[in-house]
Amino acid sequence: MSDLAWINAAITAARPQAVGALLRYFRDLETAEEAFQDACLRALKAWMQNGPPRDPTAWLIMVGRNAALDGVRKRSRHTELPPEDLLSDLEDQEARAVEQVDASDYRDDVLRLLFICCHPDLPATQQIALALRIVSGLTVKQIARAFLVSEAAMEQRITRAKRIVAEGDAAFETPGAVERAERLAAVAAMIYLVFNEGYSAGDNPARAQLCGEAIRLGRLLLRLFQTEPEIMGLLALMLVQHARTPARFDAEGQIVLLEDQDRSLWDARMIAEGLALIDKAMRHRRPGAYQVQAAIAALHARAATPADTDWAQIDALYANLERLTPSPVITLNRAVAVSKVAGPEAALTMIEPLAGRLSGYFHFHGLKGALNLELGRHAEARDAFDRAIALANSAAEATHIRQHLDRLMADHDPALREASAAKK
């Protein structure tokens, strides 16, 4: 790994906790963000010269805090920070910073920051978008993709959220038990969106590590709400999905579909933990969206082979999920199960009404292409696959669809194969 690569990975991993600690210290969102960015700039220089510090997170917290304080001093006394070579060796300061972080109100500044971003003065969509931007450091483009909206619309949403937070006098107070419960749904949704951002990133280490971060946050959230079945379901869902990671991509980094994965590569311990949490959540008899999704993931995990998958039960669970949280994406996912149970024609009929809302969604066109191909509608399949390639979020997604298209089209119509090749 190059110097810049490991520095970027370290900064990405440290961001949530560092920003959370700086926000706790300064009680101002803009100041905390600016302090962290200043620390990152100093890290690029100091770490390139001196190597990584013992604890990159504590280093960024300490240097970011000093940088912000220095800004105040310069306006009054023109006091400067110590030289970079002194900032690169903060052994004692790192240890103290870590102790202070561990002693924070929630024993984790990241979780505290999530609750702050999910303040009830903000609409739910702005709560989640702000948390994704501030806590996880996702770009506006990435967040817009998660919400299926334009970048401009998401930029406005985040700007409004920051303004509301900045104007709220109580925005950085430690929430009490009642407030924490009220914000729980928004925090859980934010954590799962962070997980999905990492899960969809393929083998990109800077983004894929968000899965681990989301699972860690899920564990902390469950520690605070130990009897909440939806948080059990959320953590179980992430564990079972993340357990498939070793089998999701081949040696060349290409996507391997669930039905083609080597299930012996799945993390059995992680799956066992997730299945135990699902069983525990179900005993509470308070079903919710995360529990249903976790139950769907569990059916896939329990199937020894693709042929053993209980698609009828998965279809029933997705129908329940549609009632709990109606969404075109949920309907799209259900259509996969419907295609296994009732055939591709029934699934295609189900997704056609979604065309307007999911016109910019990669997976809609990929599924539409696959269903048309099963029905022998090769021209329609080619058009859908071409659209999916244009909307792919990664090179792996685009390559997978292109290989799928070339292989299957060649089996049915040489003319279509040549037309597909001409489009490359």
Protein backbone atom coordinates (compact mmCIF):
# COMPACT_ATOMS: atom_id res chain seq x y z
CA MET A 1 0.00 0.00 0.00
CA SER A 2 1.37 3.45 -0.91
CA ASP A 3 1.98 6.16 1.69
CA LEU A 4 -1.00 8.17 0.52
CA ALA A 5 -3.20 5.06 0.51
CA TRP A 6 -2.54 4.09 4.12
CA ILE A 7 -2.77 7.71 5.27
CA ASN A 8 -6.13 8.06 3.56
CA ALA A 9 -7.30 4.76 5.08
CA ALA A 10 -6.18 5.84 8.56
CA ILE A 11 -7.88 9.22 8.27
CA THR A 12 -11.08 7.65 6.96
CA ALA A 13 -11.18 5.21 9.87
CA ALA A 14 -10.37 7.92 12.44
CA ARG A 15 -12.80 10.54 11.19
CA PRO A 16 -15.97 9.63 13.15
CA GLN A 17 -14.30 9.40 16.53
CA ALA A 18 -12.03 12.38 15.93
CA VAL A 19 -14.83 14.69 14.80
CA GLY A 20 -16.99 13.47 17.68
CA ALA A 21 -14.27 14.25 20.22
CA LEU A 22 -13.59 17.67 18.70
CA LEU A 23 -17.29 18.47 18.71
CA ARG A 24 -17.53 17.47 22.37
CA TYR A 25 -14.60 19.78 23.09
CA PHE A 26 -15.68 22.85 21.09
CA ARG A 27 -19.49 22.38 21.00
CA ASP A 28 -19.54 23.86 17.50
CA LEU A 29 -19.98 21.79 14.37
CA GLU A 30 -18.11 24.07 11.96
CA THR A 31 -15.18 24.43 14.36
CA ALA A 32 -14.95 20.67 14.83
CA GLU A 33 -15.00 20.07 11.06
CA GLU A 34 -12.39 22.73 10.38
CA ALA A 35 -10.18 21.43 13.18
CA PHE A 36 -10.32 17.92 11.77
CA GLN A 37 -9.52 19.11 8.25
CA ASP A 38 -6.56 21.09 9.59
CA ALA A 39 -5.32 18.00 11.41
CA CYS A 40 -5.64 15.96 8.21
CA LEU A 41 -3.52 18.44 6.28
CA ARG A 42 -0.86 18.31 8.98
CA ALA A 43 -1.02 14.51 8.97
CA LEU A 44 -0.29 14.38 5.25
CA LYS A 45 3.00 16.15 5.88
CA ALA A 46 4.00 14.74 9.27
CA TRP A 47 3.07 11.11 8.62
CA MET A 48 4.76 11.07 5.22
CA GLN A 49 7.97 12.22 6.90
CA ASN A 50 7.85 10.37 10.20
CA GLY A 51 5.58 7.39 9.62
CA PRO A 52 2.28 6.67 11.33
CA PRO A 53 1.75 7.66 14.98
CA ARG A 54 0.98 5.00 17.54
CA ASP A 55 -2.69 6.01 17.59
CA PRO A 56 -3.76 8.00 14.48
CA THR A 57 -7.16 8.87 15.98
CA ALA A 58 -5.67 10.34 19.16
CA TRP A 59 -3.07 12.19 17.06
CA LEU A 60 -5.77 13.79 14.90
CA ILE A 61 -7.83 14.73 17.96
CA MET A 62 -4.86 16.32 19.70
CA VAL A 63 -3.57 18.18 16.64
CA GLY A 64 -7.06 19.24 15.57
CA ARG A 65 -7.79 20.62 19.03
CA ASN A 66 -4.48 22.49 19.10
CA ALA A 67 -5.12 23.87 15.62
CA ALA A 68 -8.54 25.21 16.58
CA LEU A 69 -7.21 26.72 19.79
CA ASP A 70 -4.35 28.25 17.84
CA GLY A 71 -6.89 29.99 15.62
CA VAL A 72 -8.37 31.65 18.68
CA ARG A 73 -4.94 32.59 20.03
CA LYS A 74 -3.81 34.09 16.73
CA ARG A 75 -6.71 36.48 16.81
CA SER A 76 -5.65 37.68 20.24
CA ARG A 77 -2.00 36.89 20.89
CA HIS A 78 -0.70 35.61 17.54
CA THR A 79 0.48 32.39 19.19
CA GLU A 80 1.50 29.64 16.79
CA LEU A 81 1.36 25.88 17.03
CA PRO A 82 4.57 23.93 17.73
CA PRO A 83 6.61 22.84 14.68
CA GLU A 84 5.42 19.82 12.71
CA ASP A 85 8.31 17.64 13.93
CA LEU A 86 7.09 18.04 17.50
CA LEU A 87 3.50 17.31 16.55
CA SER A 88 4.50 14.00 14.95
CA ASP A 89 5.47 12.43 18.32
CA LEU A 90 2.60 12.67 20.77
CA GLU A 91 2.99 9.45 22.77
CA ASP A 92 1.92 10.77 26.20
CA GLN A 93 -0.69 13.09 24.74
CA GLU A 94 -2.16 10.24 22.68
CA ALA A 95 -2.57 8.08 25.78
CA ARG A 96 -4.33 10.87 27.66
CA ALA A 97 -6.56 11.61 24.67
CA VAL A 98 -7.60 7.96 24.43
CA GLU A 99 -8.43 7.90 28.15
CA GLN A 100 -10.57 11.03 27.76
CA VAL A 101 -12.38 9.52 24.77
CA ASP A 102 -13.09 6.29 26.67
CA ALA A 103 -14.51 8.28 29.59
CA SER A 104 -16.99 10.26 27.49
CA ASP A 105 -20.71 10.17 28.29
CA TYR A 106 -21.53 7.34 25.90
CA ARG A 107 -18.06 5.76 26.13
CA ASP A 108 -17.83 6.54 22.45
CA ASP A 109 -17.85 9.97 20.85
CA VAL A 110 -19.03 8.53 17.55
CA LEU A 111 -22.31 7.36 18.98
CA ARG A 112 -22.75 10.66 20.80
CA LEU A 113 -22.16 12.50 17.54
CA LEU A 114 -24.82 10.38 15.85
CA PHE A 115 -27.38 11.40 18.44
CA ILE A 116 -26.43 15.04 18.00
CA CYS A 117 -26.81 14.89 14.23
CA CYS A 118 -30.18 13.20 14.69
CA HIS A 119 -31.60 16.05 16.76
CA PRO A 120 -35.43 16.22 16.48
CA ASP A 121 -35.30 19.82 15.22
CA LEU A 122 -34.13 18.35 11.91
CA PRO A 123 -36.39 16.45 9.48
CA ALA A 124 -35.48 12.77 9.32
CA THR A 125 -33.92 13.00 5.84
CA GLN A 126 -31.70 15.88 6.97
CA GLN A 127 -30.72 14.06 10.16
CA ILE A 128 -29.42 11.06 8.21
CA ALA A 129 -27.80 13.12 5.45
CA LEU A 130 -25.99 15.33 7.98
CA ALA A 131 -24.75 12.33 9.92
CA LEU A 132 -23.47 10.65 6.77
CA ARG A 133 -21.60 13.81 5.81
CA ILE A 134 -20.24 14.77 9.24
CA VAL A 135 -19.76 11.43 10.96
CA SER A 136 -18.73 9.24 8.05
CA GLY A 137 -17.25 11.84 5.74
CA LEU A 138 -19.17 10.61 2.70
CA THR A 139 -19.25 12.94 -0.28
CA VAL A 140 -22.45 14.68 -1.33
CA LYS A 141 -22.50 12.49 -4.43
CA GLN A 142 -22.35 9.30 -2.38
CA ILE A 143 -25.12 10.46 -0.05
CA ALA A 144 -27.28 11.56 -2.98
CA ARG A 145 -26.90 8.09 -4.49
CA ALA A 146 -28.07 6.50 -1.25
CA PHE A 147 -31.20 8.67 -1.27
CA LEU A 148 -31.77 8.44 -5.04
CA VAL A 149 -31.80 12.26 -5.40
CA SER A 150 -29.65 14.74 -7.31
CA GLU A 151 -26.41 16.10 -5.91
CA ALA A 152 -27.79 19.64 -5.95
CA ALA A 153 -30.81 18.62 -3.89
CA MET A 154 -28.64 16.79 -1.37
CA GLU A 155 -26.23 19.72 -1.10
CA GLN A 156 -29.14 21.99 -0.21
CA ARG A 157 -30.45 19.47 2.31
CA ILE A 158 -27.10 19.22 4.11
CA THR A 159 -26.61 23.00 4.08
CA ARG A 160 -30.04 23.53 5.64
CA ALA A 161 -29.30 20.90 8.27
CA LYS A 162 -26.01 22.54 9.24
CA ARG A 163 -27.71 25.90 9.55
CA ILE A 164 -30.45 24.53 11.80
CA VAL A 165 -27.90 22.78 14.00
CA ALA A 166 -25.74 25.91 14.22
CA GLU A 167 -28.74 28.02 15.26
CA GLY A 168 -29.98 25.56 17.89
CA ASP A 169 -28.75 26.45 21.37
CA ALA A 170 -29.36 22.94 22.72
CA ALA A 171 -28.01 21.04 19.72
CA PHE A 172 -24.89 19.82 21.53
CA GLU A 173 -26.38 18.97 24.90
CA THR A 174 -26.12 15.35 26.01
CA PRO A 175 -29.54 13.79 25.26
CA GLY A 176 -31.40 12.19 28.14
CA ALA A 177 -32.99 8.73 28.07
CA VAL A 178 -36.27 9.92 26.53
CA GLU A 179 -34.52 11.93 23.81
CA ARG A 180 -32.24 9.02 23.00
CA ALA A 181 -35.23 6.75 22.46
CA GLU A 182 -36.90 9.32 20.22
CA ARG A 183 -33.82 9.59 18.05
CA LEU A 184 -33.15 5.86 17.95
CA ALA A 185 -34.87 5.21 14.60
CA ALA A 186 -32.92 7.95 12.83
CA VAL A 187 -29.62 6.78 14.32
CA ALA A 188 -30.30 3.17 13.31
CA ALA A 189 -31.15 4.26 9.75
CA MET A 190 -27.96 6.29 9.54
CA ILE A 191 -25.85 3.36 10.72
CA TYR A 192 -27.40 1.05 8.13
CA LEU A 193 -26.82 3.58 5.36
CA VAL A 194 -23.16 3.76 6.39
CA PHE A 195 -23.04 -0.04 6.22
CA ASN A 196 -24.61 -0.07 2.77
CA GLU A 197 -22.10 2.50 1.52
CA GLY A 198 -19.28 0.21 2.56
CA TYR A 199 -21.02 -2.94 1.36
CA SER A 200 -21.50 -1.51 -2.13
CA ALA A 201 -17.91 -0.29 -2.36
CA GLY A 202 -16.43 -3.64 -3.39
CA ASP A 203 -12.76 -4.03 -2.56
CA ASN A 204 -12.14 -0.31 -2.04
CA PRO A 205 -10.52 -0.41 1.44
CA ALA A 206 -11.27 3.21 2.34
CA ARG A 207 -15.00 2.70 1.85
CA ALA A 208 -15.37 -1.02 2.54
CA GLN A 209 -14.18 -0.51 6.12
CA LEU A 210 -17.41 1.40 6.72
CA CYS A 211 -19.08 -2.01 7.13
CA GLY A 212 -16.90 -2.72 10.15
CA GLU A 213 -17.51 0.76 11.50
CA ALA A 214 -21.28 0.37 11.12
CA ILE A 215 -21.19 -3.00 12.90
CA ARG A 216 -19.15 -1.47 15.71
CA LEU A 217 -21.69 1.34 16.06
CA GLY A 218 -24.49 -1.21 15.99
CA ARG A 219 -22.89 -3.06 18.90
CA LEU A 220 -22.60 0.17 20.86
CA LEU A 221 -26.20 1.05 20.10
CA LEU A 222 -27.34 -2.37 21.31
CA ARG A 223 -25.31 -1.88 24.48
CA LEU A 224 -27.36 1.26 25.16
CA PHE A 225 -30.68 -0.34 24.17
CA GLN A 226 -30.18 -3.96 25.22
CA THR A 227 -33.87 -4.95 25.05
CA GLU A 228 -34.73 -3.23 21.75
CA PRO A 229 -35.47 -5.96 19.15
CA GLU A 230 -35.07 -3.64 16.17
CA ILE A 231 -31.47 -2.88 17.17
CA MET A 232 -30.87 -6.61 17.54
CA GLY A 233 -32.31 -7.01 14.05
CA LEU A 234 -30.13 -4.22 12.66
CA LEU A 235 -26.93 -5.71 14.06
CA ALA A 236 -27.94 -9.21 12.95
CA LEU A 237 -28.67 -7.98 9.43
CA MET A 238 -25.27 -6.31 9.11
CA LEU A 239 -23.43 -9.32 10.53
CA VAL A 240 -25.06 -11.84 8.19
CA GLN A 241 -24.55 -9.64 5.15
CA HIS A 242 -20.95 -8.80 6.02
CA ALA A 243 -20.19 -12.50 6.58
CA ARG A 244 -20.46 -13.04 2.81
CA THR A 245 -17.70 -10.51 2.03
CA PRO A 246 -14.90 -13.05 1.32
CA ALA A 247 -17.03 -14.66 -1.41
CA ARG A 248 -18.56 -11.57 -3.02
CA PHE A 249 -15.64 -10.82 -5.38
CA ASP A 250 -13.30 -13.08 -7.32
CA ALA A 251 -9.52 -12.81 -7.56
CA GLU A 252 -9.82 -10.13 -10.26
CA GLY A 253 -12.20 -8.06 -8.15
CA GLN A 254 -15.26 -8.99 -10.19
CA ILE A 255 -18.68 -9.39 -8.57
CA VAL A 256 -19.82 -12.93 -7.74
CA LEU A 257 -23.60 -13.22 -7.46
CA LEU A 258 -25.06 -14.78 -4.31
CA GLU A 259 -26.11 -17.97 -6.12
CA ASP A 260 -22.57 -18.42 -7.50
CA GLN A 261 -20.66 -17.73 -4.28
CA ASP A 262 -18.49 -20.31 -2.56
CA ARG A 263 -20.45 -20.59 0.67
CA SER A 264 -17.55 -22.24 2.45
CA LEU A 265 -15.88 -18.80 2.38
CA TRP A 266 -18.67 -17.18 4.38
CA ASP A 267 -17.73 -16.25 7.95
CA ALA A 268 -19.52 -18.96 9.95
CA ARG A 269 -18.91 -17.31 13.33
CA MET A 270 -20.33 -14.01 12.16
CA ILE A 271 -23.37 -15.77 10.70
CA ALA A 272 -23.91 -17.70 13.95
CA GLU A 273 -23.83 -14.48 15.94
CA GLY A 274 -26.30 -12.87 13.57
CA LEU A 275 -28.69 -15.85 13.64
CA ALA A 276 -28.63 -15.89 17.45
CA LEU A 277 -29.53 -12.20 17.52
CA ILE A 278 -32.40 -12.75 15.07
CA ASP A 279 -33.82 -15.54 17.21
CA LYS A 280 -33.53 -13.37 20.32
CA ALA A 281 -35.23 -10.42 18.60
CA MET A 282 -38.12 -12.55 17.36
CA ARG A 283 -38.89 -13.71 20.90
CA HIS A 284 -39.87 -10.13 21.78
CA ARG A 285 -42.79 -10.38 19.30
CA ARG A 286 -42.40 -6.75 18.23
CA PRO A 287 -41.59 -7.09 14.51
CA GLY A 288 -39.89 -4.28 12.64
CA ALA A 289 -38.21 -3.60 9.30
CA TYR A 290 -34.68 -4.55 10.40
CA GLN A 291 -35.88 -7.80 11.93
CA VAL A 292 -37.68 -8.73 8.70
CA GLN A 293 -34.63 -7.92 6.58
CA ALA A 294 -32.46 -9.91 8.97
CA ALA A 295 -34.85 -12.85 8.66
CA ILE A 296 -34.51 -12.69 4.87
CA ALA A 297 -30.72 -12.66 5.16
CA ALA A 298 -30.94 -15.59 7.57
CA LEU A 299 -32.86 -17.70 5.04
CA HIS A 300 -30.04 -17.18 2.53
CA ALA A 301 -27.42 -17.94 5.19
CA ARG A 302 -29.13 -21.14 6.31
CA ALA A 303 -29.36 -22.52 2.75
CA ALA A 304 -26.50 -24.94 2.20
CA THR A 305 -26.86 -24.50 -1.58
CA PRO A 306 -28.77 -22.01 -3.77
CA ALA A 307 -31.31 -24.75 -4.53
CA ASP A 308 -32.11 -25.01 -0.82
CA THR A 309 -33.19 -21.35 -0.58
CA ASP A 310 -36.78 -20.95 0.63
CA TRP A 311 -37.87 -18.39 -1.95
CA ALA A 312 -41.55 -18.63 -1.04
CA GLN A 313 -40.76 -17.60 2.53
CA ILE A 314 -38.49 -14.82 1.29
CA ASP A 315 -41.33 -13.55 -0.92
CA ALA A 316 -43.67 -13.56 2.10
CA LEU A 317 -41.14 -11.67 4.22
CA TYR A 318 -40.64 -9.05 1.51
CA ALA A 319 -44.43 -8.64 1.30
CA ASN A 320 -44.44 -7.96 5.04
CA LEU A 321 -41.55 -5.53 4.64
CA GLU A 322 -43.48 -3.67 1.91
CA ARG A 323 -46.30 -3.14 4.41
CA LEU A 324 -43.95 -1.94 7.15
CA THR A 325 -41.86 0.40 5.00
CA PRO A 326 -43.21 0.84 1.45
CA SER A 327 -40.37 1.53 -0.98
CA PRO A 328 -39.73 0.95 -4.69
CA VAL A 329 -36.36 -0.62 -3.82
CA ILE A 330 -38.04 -3.12 -1.50
CA THR A 331 -40.51 -4.01 -4.26
CA LEU A 332 -37.59 -4.42 -6.65
CA ASN A 333 -35.90 -6.81 -4.23
CA ARG A 334 -39.13 -8.73 -3.75
CA ALA A 335 -39.36 -9.17 -7.52
CA VAL A 336 -36.26 -11.37 -7.41
CA ALA A 337 -38.07 -13.75 -5.06
CA VAL A 338 -41.22 -13.56 -7.19
CA SER A 339 -39.21 -14.54 -10.28
CA LYS A 340 -38.04 -17.68 -8.45
CA VAL A 341 -41.54 -18.57 -7.24
CA ALA A 342 -43.87 -17.40 -10.06
CA GLY A 343 -41.50 -16.88 -12.98
CA PRO A 344 -39.86 -13.92 -14.76
CA GLU A 345 -43.07 -12.65 -16.36
CA ALA A 346 -44.71 -12.08 -12.97
CA ALA A 347 -41.58 -10.35 -11.69
CA LEU A 348 -41.33 -8.13 -14.77
CA THR A 349 -44.97 -7.10 -14.35
CA MET A 350 -44.20 -6.19 -10.75
CA ILE A 351 -41.26 -3.91 -11.54
CA GLU A 352 -42.59 -2.13 -14.63
CA PRO A 353 -44.53 0.46 -12.53
CA LEU A 354 -41.25 1.32 -10.79
CA ALA A 355 -39.58 2.55 -13.99
CA GLY A 356 -40.22 6.23 -13.32
CA ARG A 357 -38.95 6.26 -9.74
CA LEU A 358 -35.99 3.95 -10.36
CA SER A 359 -34.92 5.18 -13.80
CA GLY A 360 -31.51 6.16 -12.43
CA TYR A 361 -31.01 3.03 -10.33
CA PHE A 362 -28.43 0.52 -11.56
CA HIS A 363 -30.10 -2.54 -10.03
CA PHE A 364 -33.48 -1.81 -11.61
CA HIS A 365 -32.07 -2.02 -15.12
CA GLY A 366 -29.88 -5.00 -14.25
CA LEU A 367 -32.86 -7.00 -13.00
CA LYS A 368 -35.02 -5.87 -15.90
CA GLY A 369 -32.36 -7.09 -18.31
CA ALA A 370 -32.06 -10.46 -16.58
CA LEU A 371 -35.83 -11.01 -16.56
CA ASN A 372 -36.19 -10.08 -20.22
CA LEU A 373 -33.34 -12.40 -21.07
CA GLU A 374 -35.06 -15.29 -19.30
CA LEU A 375 -38.16 -14.55 -21.37
CA GLY A 376 -36.16 -14.59 -24.61
CA ARG A 377 -36.63 -10.86 -25.23
CA HIS A 378 -33.06 -10.28 -26.26
CA ALA A 379 -33.33 -6.75 -27.65
CA GLU A 380 -35.12 -5.50 -24.50
CA ALA A 381 -32.55 -7.28 -22.36
CA ARG A 382 -29.67 -5.67 -24.23
CA ASP A 383 -31.15 -2.19 -23.84
CA ALA A 384 -31.67 -2.71 -20.11
CA PHE A 385 -28.15 -4.06 -19.62
CA ASP A 386 -26.67 -1.14 -21.56
CA ARG A 387 -28.55 1.25 -19.30
CA ALA A 388 -27.32 -0.61 -16.23
CA ILE A 389 -23.73 -0.34 -17.41
CA ALA A 390 -24.14 3.42 -17.86
CA LEU A 391 -25.47 3.74 -14.29
CA ALA A 392 -22.96 1.40 -12.62
CA ASN A 393 -21.54 2.73 -9.36
CA SER A 394 -18.25 0.89 -9.78
CA ALA A 395 -16.07 -0.71 -12.44
CA ALA A 396 -16.86 -4.12 -10.95
CA GLU A 397 -20.60 -3.60 -11.44
CA ALA A 398 -20.13 -2.44 -15.01
CA THR A 399 -17.78 -5.31 -15.87
CA HIS A 400 -20.11 -7.88 -14.36
CA ILE A 401 -23.09 -6.69 -16.41
CA ARG A 402 -20.98 -6.45 -19.56
CA GLN A 403 -19.68 -10.01 -19.18
CA HIS A 404 -23.18 -11.25 -18.41
CA LEU A 405 -24.50 -9.47 -21.48
CA ASP A 406 -21.76 -10.68 -23.83
CA ARG A 407 -21.95 -14.30 -22.70
CA LEU A 408 -25.71 -14.67 -22.85
CA MET A 409 -26.32 -12.57 -25.93
CA ALA A 410 -23.73 -14.56 -27.86
CA ASP A 411 -25.68 -17.72 -27.09
CA HIS A 412 -28.85 -16.34 -28.66
CA ASP A 413 -28.07 -13.85 -31.39
CA PRO A 414 -24.68 -13.10 -33.03
CA ALA A 415 -26.05 -9.85 -34.42
CA LEU A 416 -26.87 -8.61 -30.95
CA ARG A 417 -23.41 -9.68 -29.77
CA GLU A 418 -21.82 -7.51 -32.45
CA ALA A 419 -24.09 -4.60 -31.57
CA SER A 420 -23.16 -4.94 -27.91
CA ALA A 421 -19.44 -5.03 -28.75
CA ALA A 422 -19.80 -1.88 -30.85
CA LYS A 423 -21.13 0.00 -27.83
CA LYS A 424 -18.00 -0.61 -25.73
